[in-house]
Amino acid sequence: MKSLHRTDLYAWSIFDAERNVDFNSIAWIRAEGNVLIDPLPLSDHDWNHLQSLGGAAHIVITNSDHLRDAREIALKTGARVAGPQAERATFPIQCDRWLQDGDTAVPGLEVLEMQGSKTPGELAFLLEDHTLITGDLVRAHRANALMVLPDPKLKDKAAAIASVRRLADLEQIETVLVGDGWSVFQNGHLYLEQLATAISNP
């Protein structure tokens, strides 16, 4: 796994040739039990690395299209799985917990519910106030330029814009770790503001 901007954060990725971007997963290493976010399949190297760091106690999934390898990793590690409350009736796997806006996934990982994306109640996470972790709605197909899903994939564009605006109002955000594409490691709030402006005034 790749080291990120904090010594307790790692990522691993798989390149998607159709979209020409990396799909990303995040591991937050913590004494109380490691947390995996939208976990992709792990190579043998990454699996061994994760095991050396204590395995996984929790898996959180932002939306049903980011289920990825969560079921298999949960079976191997015994991790408890959490998914979006708004998809509870149709979610592809059983979860131990369902998350919605304002919840705390684990201490230090706050839940923000995104509206208008391609799945109901997509989750984003605010990690210890300064790092935003997104699923599908906010992404980046080139470096230093956040974007949102294309209009045809949005269920409600106005609601999606409002969700991005809400993120842009969080002035303390320094880093934006995206599920799809290029993450932003500095001035995350400014990039979110630029995105909110761009999609509000196309």
C-alpha atoms as a PDB file:
ATOM      1  CA  MET A   1       0.000   0.000   0.000  1.00  0.00           C
ATOM      2  CA  LYS A   2       1.100   3.561  -0.656  1.00  0.00           C
ATOM      3  CA  SER A   3       1.818   5.994   2.180  1.00  0.00           C
ATOM      4  CA  LEU A   4      -0.311   9.136   2.105  1.00  0.00           C
ATOM      5  CA  HIS A   5       0.001  12.551   3.750  1.00  0.00           C
ATOM      6  CA  ARG A   6      -0.298  11.119   7.274  1.00  0.00           C
ATOM      7  CA  THR A   7       1.678   8.273   8.750  1.00  0.00           C
ATOM      8  CA  ASP A   8      -1.561   6.485   9.679  1.00  0.00           C
ATOM      9  CA  LEU A   9      -3.092   6.611   6.189  1.00  0.00           C
ATOM     10  CA  TYR A  10      -2.423   4.316   3.243  1.00  0.00           C
ATOM     11  CA  ALA A  11      -4.006   3.741  -0.150  1.00  0.00           C
ATOM     12  CA  TRP A  12      -4.059   1.087  -2.830  1.00  0.00           C
ATOM     13  CA  SER A  13      -5.371   1.433  -6.359  1.00  0.00           C
ATOM     14  CA  ILE A  14      -6.439  -0.367  -9.524  1.00  0.00           C
ATOM     15  CA  PHE A  15      -6.247   1.373 -12.896  1.00  0.00           C
ATOM     16  CA  ASP A  16      -9.545   1.513 -14.789  1.00  0.00           C
ATOM     17  CA  ALA A  17      -8.753   1.504 -18.508  1.00  0.00           C
ATOM     18  CA  GLU A  18     -12.264   2.565 -19.544  1.00  0.00           C
ATOM     19  CA  ARG A  19     -12.051   5.839 -17.600  1.00  0.00           C
ATOM     20  CA  ASN A  20      -8.246   6.201 -17.604  1.00  0.00           C
ATOM     21  CA  VAL A  21      -8.174   6.781 -13.851  1.00  0.00           C
ATOM     22  CA  ASP A  22      -7.192   4.893 -10.740  1.00  0.00           C
ATOM     23  CA  PHE A  23      -9.862   3.531  -8.442  1.00  0.00           C
ATOM     24  CA  ASN A  24      -8.621   4.099  -4.886  1.00  0.00           C
ATOM     25  CA  SER A  25      -9.118   2.537  -1.469  1.00  0.00           C
ATOM     26  CA  ILE A  26      -8.052   3.944   1.888  1.00  0.00           C
ATOM     27  CA  ALA A  27      -6.732   2.286   5.037  1.00  0.00           C
ATOM     28  CA  TRP A  28      -6.746   4.263   8.291  1.00  0.00           C
ATOM     29  CA  ILE A  29      -4.429   2.587  10.786  1.00  0.00           C
ATOM     30  CA  ARG A  30      -5.487   3.096  14.389  1.00  0.00           C
ATOM     31  CA  ALA A  31      -4.846   1.376  17.713  1.00  0.00           C
ATOM     32  CA  GLU A  32      -8.579   0.812  18.241  1.00  0.00           C
ATOM     33  CA  GLY A  33      -8.900  -1.154  14.981  1.00  0.00           C
ATOM     34  CA  ASN A  34      -8.022  -0.325  11.391  1.00  0.00           C
ATOM     35  CA  VAL A  35     -10.647   1.086   9.031  1.00  0.00           C
ATOM     36  CA  LEU A  36     -10.837   0.331   5.302  1.00  0.00           C
ATOM     37  CA  ILE A  37     -12.861   2.589   3.021  1.00  0.00           C
ATOM     38  CA  ASP A  38     -14.257   1.196  -0.265  1.00  0.00           C
ATOM     39  CA  PRO A  39     -11.696  -1.627  -0.317  1.00  0.00           C
ATOM     40  CA  LEU A  40     -10.562  -2.971  -3.692  1.00  0.00           C
ATOM     41  CA  PRO A  41      -8.992  -6.418  -4.041  1.00  0.00           C
ATOM     42  CA  LEU A  42      -5.589  -6.538  -2.361  1.00  0.00           C
ATOM     43  CA  SER A  43      -2.481  -7.876  -4.051  1.00  0.00           C
ATOM     44  CA  ASP A  44      -0.447 -10.375  -2.054  1.00  0.00           C
ATOM     45  CA  HIS A  45       2.004  -7.588  -1.258  1.00  0.00           C
ATOM     46  CA  ASP A  46      -0.737  -5.232  -0.043  1.00  0.00           C
ATOM     47  CA  TRP A  47      -2.470  -7.988   1.891  1.00  0.00           C
ATOM     48  CA  ASN A  48       0.751  -8.796   3.728  1.00  0.00           C
ATOM     49  CA  HIS A  49       1.317  -5.100   4.379  1.00  0.00           C
ATOM     50  CA  LEU A  50      -2.179  -4.696   5.812  1.00  0.00           C
ATOM     51  CA  GLN A  51      -1.721  -7.747   8.001  1.00  0.00           C
ATOM     52  CA  SER A  52       1.568  -6.357   9.311  1.00  0.00           C
ATOM     53  CA  LEU A  53      -0.325  -3.198  10.308  1.00  0.00           C
ATOM     54  CA  GLY A  54      -2.976  -5.110  12.227  1.00  0.00           C
ATOM     55  CA  GLY A  55      -5.486  -6.229   9.603  1.00  0.00           C
ATOM     56  CA  ALA A  56      -8.929  -4.633   9.492  1.00  0.00           C
ATOM     57  CA  ALA A  57     -11.611  -4.165  12.144  1.00  0.00           C
ATOM     58  CA  HIS A  58     -14.016  -1.974  10.149  1.00  0.00           C
ATOM     59  CA  ILE A  59     -15.007  -1.578   6.510  1.00  0.00           C
ATOM     60  CA  VAL A  60     -17.080   1.416   5.443  1.00  0.00           C
ATOM     61  CA  ILE A  61     -18.629   1.636   1.993  1.00  0.00           C
ATOM     62  CA  THR A  62     -19.636   4.955   0.438  1.00  0.00           C
ATOM     63  CA  ASN A  63     -22.186   3.513  -1.999  1.00  0.00           C
ATOM     64  CA  SER A  64     -23.272   0.245  -3.604  1.00  0.00           C
ATOM     65  CA  ASP A  65     -21.181   0.907  -6.735  1.00  0.00           C
ATOM     66  CA  HIS A  66     -18.084   0.928  -4.500  1.00  0.00           C
ATOM     67  CA  LEU A  67     -18.765  -2.450  -2.934  1.00  0.00           C
ATOM     68  CA  ARG A  68     -15.588  -3.704  -4.606  1.00  0.00           C
ATOM     69  CA  ASP A  69     -13.987  -6.501  -2.517  1.00  0.00           C
ATOM     70  CA  ALA A  70     -15.609  -5.579   0.801  1.00  0.00           C
ATOM     71  CA  ARG A  71     -17.444  -8.875   1.261  1.00  0.00           C
ATOM     72  CA  GLU A  72     -14.358 -11.026   0.705  1.00  0.00           C
ATOM     73  CA  ILE A  73     -12.090  -8.871   2.862  1.00  0.00           C
ATOM     74  CA  ALA A  74     -14.661  -8.879   5.667  1.00  0.00           C
ATOM     75  CA  LEU A  75     -14.802 -12.682   5.537  1.00  0.00           C
ATOM     76  CA  LYS A  76     -11.005 -12.905   5.757  1.00  0.00           C
ATOM     77  CA  THR A  77     -10.524 -10.336   8.499  1.00  0.00           C
ATOM     78  CA  GLY A  78     -13.738 -10.471  10.507  1.00  0.00           C
ATOM     79  CA  ALA A  79     -14.169  -6.723   9.946  1.00  0.00           C
ATOM     80  CA  ARG A  80     -17.563  -5.189  10.675  1.00  0.00           C
ATOM     81  CA  VAL A  81     -19.131  -3.642   7.569  1.00  0.00           C
ATOM     82  CA  ALA A  82     -21.041  -0.349   7.421  1.00  0.00           C
ATOM     83  CA  GLY A  83     -22.982   0.992   4.431  1.00  0.00           C
ATOM     84  CA  PRO A  84     -25.317   3.869   3.545  1.00  0.00           C
ATOM     85  CA  GLN A  85     -28.658   3.869   5.356  1.00  0.00           C
ATOM     86  CA  ALA A  86     -30.465   5.196   2.261  1.00  0.00           C
ATOM     87  CA  GLU A  87     -29.545   2.008   0.354  1.00  0.00           C
ATOM     88  CA  ARG A  88     -30.376  -0.404   3.153  1.00  0.00           C
ATOM     89  CA  ALA A  89     -33.336  -2.019   1.366  1.00  0.00           C
ATOM     90  CA  THR A  90     -31.368  -2.807  -1.797  1.00  0.00           C
ATOM     91  CA  PHE A  91     -27.727  -3.015  -0.703  1.00  0.00           C
ATOM     92  CA  PRO A  92     -25.965  -6.025  -2.281  1.00  0.00           C
ATOM     93  CA  ILE A  93     -24.478  -7.342   0.978  1.00  0.00           C
ATOM     94  CA  GLN A  94     -25.555  -7.480   4.601  1.00  0.00           C
ATOM     95  CA  CYS A  95     -24.015  -4.766   6.763  1.00  0.00           C
ATOM     96  CA  ASP A  96     -23.455  -4.752  10.494  1.00  0.00           C
ATOM     97  CA  ARG A  97     -24.333  -1.075  10.625  1.00  0.00           C
ATOM     98  CA  TRP A  98     -26.020   1.539   8.462  1.00  0.00           C
ATOM     99  CA  LEU A  99     -24.723   5.106   8.349  1.00  0.00           C
ATOM    100  CA  GLN A 100     -26.388   8.407   7.612  1.00  0.00           C
ATOM    101  CA  ASP A 101     -25.626  12.097   7.846  1.00  0.00           C
ATOM    102  CA  GLY A 102     -24.259  13.168  11.204  1.00  0.00           C
ATOM    103  CA  ASP A 103     -23.239   9.692  12.337  1.00  0.00           C
ATOM    104  CA  THR A 104     -19.764   8.799  13.567  1.00  0.00           C
ATOM    105  CA  ALA A 105     -18.451   5.726  11.739  1.00  0.00           C
ATOM    106  CA  VAL A 106     -15.711   5.358  14.360  1.00  0.00           C
ATOM    107  CA  PRO A 107     -14.367   8.104  16.615  1.00  0.00           C
ATOM    108  CA  GLY A 108     -12.718  10.689  14.394  1.00  0.00           C
ATOM    109  CA  LEU A 109     -14.547   9.651  11.199  1.00  0.00           C
ATOM    110  CA  GLU A 110     -17.682  11.713  10.679  1.00  0.00           C
ATOM    111  CA  VAL A 111     -20.350  10.872   8.110  1.00  0.00           C
ATOM    112  CA  LEU A 112     -21.571  13.344   5.493  1.00  0.00           C
ATOM    113  CA  GLU A 113     -24.460  12.246   3.290  1.00  0.00           C
ATOM    114  CA  MET A 114     -24.360  13.359  -0.349  1.00  0.00           C
ATOM    115  CA  GLN A 115     -27.598  13.890  -2.244  1.00  0.00           C
ATOM    116  CA  GLY A 116     -28.306  13.736  -5.970  1.00  0.00           C
ATOM    117  CA  SER A 117     -25.563  11.270  -6.887  1.00  0.00           C
ATOM    118  CA  LYS A 118     -26.183   8.065  -8.843  1.00  0.00           C
ATOM    119  CA  THR A 119     -27.093   6.139  -5.672  1.00  0.00           C
ATOM    120  CA  PRO A 120     -29.249   7.360  -2.756  1.00  0.00           C
ATOM    121  CA  GLY A 121     -27.519   8.783   0.298  1.00  0.00           C
ATOM    122  CA  GLU A 122     -23.945   8.308  -0.911  1.00  0.00           C
ATOM    123  CA  LEU A 123     -21.521   8.762   1.972  1.00  0.00           C
ATOM    124  CA  ALA A 124     -18.448  10.944   2.317  1.00  0.00           C
ATOM    125  CA  PHE A 125     -16.275  11.004   5.419  1.00  0.00           C
ATOM    126  CA  LEU A 126     -14.485  13.745   7.314  1.00  0.00           C
ATOM    127  CA  LEU A 127     -11.411  12.309   8.999  1.00  0.00           C
ATOM    128  CA  GLU A 128     -10.327  14.216  12.093  1.00  0.00           C
ATOM    129  CA  ASP A 129     -11.697  17.456  10.658  1.00  0.00           C
ATOM    130  CA  HIS A 130      -9.093  18.101   7.930  1.00  0.00           C
ATOM    131  CA  THR A 131      -9.225  15.159   5.488  1.00  0.00           C
ATOM    132  CA  LEU A 132     -12.278  14.590   3.285  1.00  0.00           C
ATOM    133  CA  ILE A 133     -12.777  11.125   1.771  1.00  0.00           C
ATOM    134  CA  THR A 134     -15.253  10.881  -1.121  1.00  0.00           C
ATOM    135  CA  GLY A 135     -16.932   8.070  -3.017  1.00  0.00           C
ATOM    136  CA  ASP A 136     -18.430   8.669  -6.466  1.00  0.00           C
ATOM    137  CA  LEU A 137     -19.891  12.179  -6.569  1.00  0.00           C
ATOM    138  CA  VAL A 138     -16.640  14.138  -6.116  1.00  0.00           C
ATOM    139  CA  ARG A 139     -13.764  12.754  -8.179  1.00  0.00           C
ATOM    140  CA  ALA A 140     -10.831  13.923 -10.311  1.00  0.00           C
ATOM    141  CA  HIS A 141      -9.949  12.671 -13.776  1.00  0.00           C
ATOM    142  CA  ARG A 142      -6.900  14.922 -14.002  1.00  0.00           C
ATOM    143  CA  ALA A 143      -4.513  16.277 -11.410  1.00  0.00           C
ATOM    144  CA  ASN A 144      -5.418  19.405  -9.435  1.00  0.00           C
ATOM    145  CA  ALA A 145      -8.978  19.610 -10.754  1.00  0.00           C
ATOM    146  CA  LEU A 146     -11.905  18.127  -8.861  1.00  0.00           C
ATOM    147  CA  MET A 147     -15.062  17.272 -10.778  1.00  0.00           C
ATOM    148  CA  VAL A 148     -18.421  15.600 -10.249  1.00  0.00           C
ATOM    149  CA  LEU A 149     -20.150  12.743 -12.009  1.00  0.00           C
ATOM    150  CA  PRO A 150     -21.425  13.576 -15.497  1.00  0.00           C
ATOM    151  CA  ASP A 151     -24.955  14.982 -15.619  1.00  0.00           C
ATOM    152  CA  PRO A 152     -26.508  11.787 -17.108  1.00  0.00           C
ATOM    153  CA  LYS A 153     -25.425   9.839 -14.007  1.00  0.00           C
ATOM    154  CA  LEU A 154     -26.787  12.331 -11.492  1.00  0.00           C
ATOM    155  CA  LYS A 155     -30.214  11.601 -10.045  1.00  0.00           C
ATOM    156  CA  ASP A 156     -30.734  15.249  -9.057  1.00  0.00           C
ATOM    157  CA  LYS A 157     -28.226  17.833 -10.247  1.00  0.00           C
ATOM    158  CA  ALA A 158     -29.495  20.605  -7.971  1.00  0.00           C
ATOM    159  CA  ALA A 159     -29.158  18.338  -4.937  1.00  0.00           C
ATOM    160  CA  ALA A 160     -25.682  17.281  -6.056  1.00  0.00           C
ATOM    161  CA  ILE A 161     -24.612  20.916  -6.400  1.00  0.00           C
ATOM    162  CA  ALA A 162     -25.952  21.631  -2.908  1.00  0.00           C
ATOM    163  CA  SER A 163     -23.957  18.702  -1.527  1.00  0.00           C
ATOM    164  CA  VAL A 164     -20.751  19.959  -3.131  1.00  0.00           C
ATOM    165  CA  ARG A 165     -21.478  23.456  -1.845  1.00  0.00           C
ATOM    166  CA  ARG A 166     -21.825  22.003   1.638  1.00  0.00           C
ATOM    167  CA  LEU A 167     -18.379  20.413   1.332  1.00  0.00           C
ATOM    168  CA  ALA A 168     -16.923  23.666   0.013  1.00  0.00           C
ATOM    169  CA  ASP A 169     -18.213  25.458   3.107  1.00  0.00           C
ATOM    170  CA  LEU A 170     -15.954  23.309   5.307  1.00  0.00           C
ATOM    171  CA  GLU A 171     -13.051  25.740   5.365  1.00  0.00           C
ATOM    172  CA  GLN A 172     -10.821  23.469   7.446  1.00  0.00           C
ATOM    173  CA  ILE A 173     -10.448  20.800   4.749  1.00  0.00           C
ATOM    174  CA  GLU A 174      -6.835  20.463   3.648  1.00  0.00           C
ATOM    175  CA  THR A 175      -6.891  17.115   1.816  1.00  0.00           C
ATOM    176  CA  VAL A 176      -9.465  15.482  -0.467  1.00  0.00           C
ATOM    177  CA  LEU A 177      -8.963  11.742  -0.970  1.00  0.00           C
ATOM    178  CA  VAL A 178     -11.140  10.634  -3.878  1.00  0.00           C
ATOM    179  CA  GLY A 179     -12.405   7.161  -4.609  1.00  0.00           C
ATOM    180  CA  ASP A 180     -11.898   7.676  -8.337  1.00  0.00           C
ATOM    181  CA  GLY A 181      -8.950   9.571  -9.808  1.00  0.00           C
ATOM    182  CA  TRP A 182      -6.396  12.031  -8.431  1.00  0.00           C
ATOM    183  CA  SER A 183      -6.478  13.078  -4.787  1.00  0.00           C
ATOM    184  CA  VAL A 184      -5.681  16.601  -3.600  1.00  0.00           C
ATOM    185  CA  PHE A 185      -3.228  16.884  -0.715  1.00  0.00           C
ATOM    186  CA  GLN A 186      -3.032  20.664  -0.204  1.00  0.00           C
ATOM    187  CA  ASN A 187      -5.588  23.480  -0.270  1.00  0.00           C
ATOM    188  CA  GLY A 188      -8.470  21.029  -0.490  1.00  0.00           C
ATOM    189  CA  HIS A 189     -10.968  23.673   0.567  1.00  0.00           C
ATOM    190  CA  LEU A 190      -9.950  25.918  -2.342  1.00  0.00           C
ATOM    191  CA  TYR A 191     -10.356  23.076  -4.843  1.00  0.00           C
ATOM    192  CA  LEU A 192     -13.810  22.332  -3.448  1.00  0.00           C
ATOM    193  CA  GLU A 193     -14.741  26.005  -3.730  1.00  0.00           C
ATOM    194  CA  GLN A 194     -13.573  26.045  -7.343  1.00  0.00           C
ATOM    195  CA  LEU A 195     -15.626  22.927  -8.056  1.00  0.00           C
ATOM    196  CA  ALA A 196     -18.738  24.358  -6.418  1.00  0.00           C
ATOM    197  CA  THR A 197     -18.399  27.530  -8.477  1.00  0.00           C
ATOM    198  CA  ALA A 198     -17.792  25.634 -11.726  1.00  0.00           C
ATOM    199  CA  ILE A 199     -20.827  23.380 -11.423  1.00  0.00           C
ATOM    200  CA  SER A 200     -23.073  26.193 -10.210  1.00  0.00           C
ATOM    201  CA  ASN A 201     -22.136  28.377 -13.200  1.00  0.00           C
ATOM    202  CA  PRO A 202     -21.542  26.029 -16.145  1.00  0.00           C
END
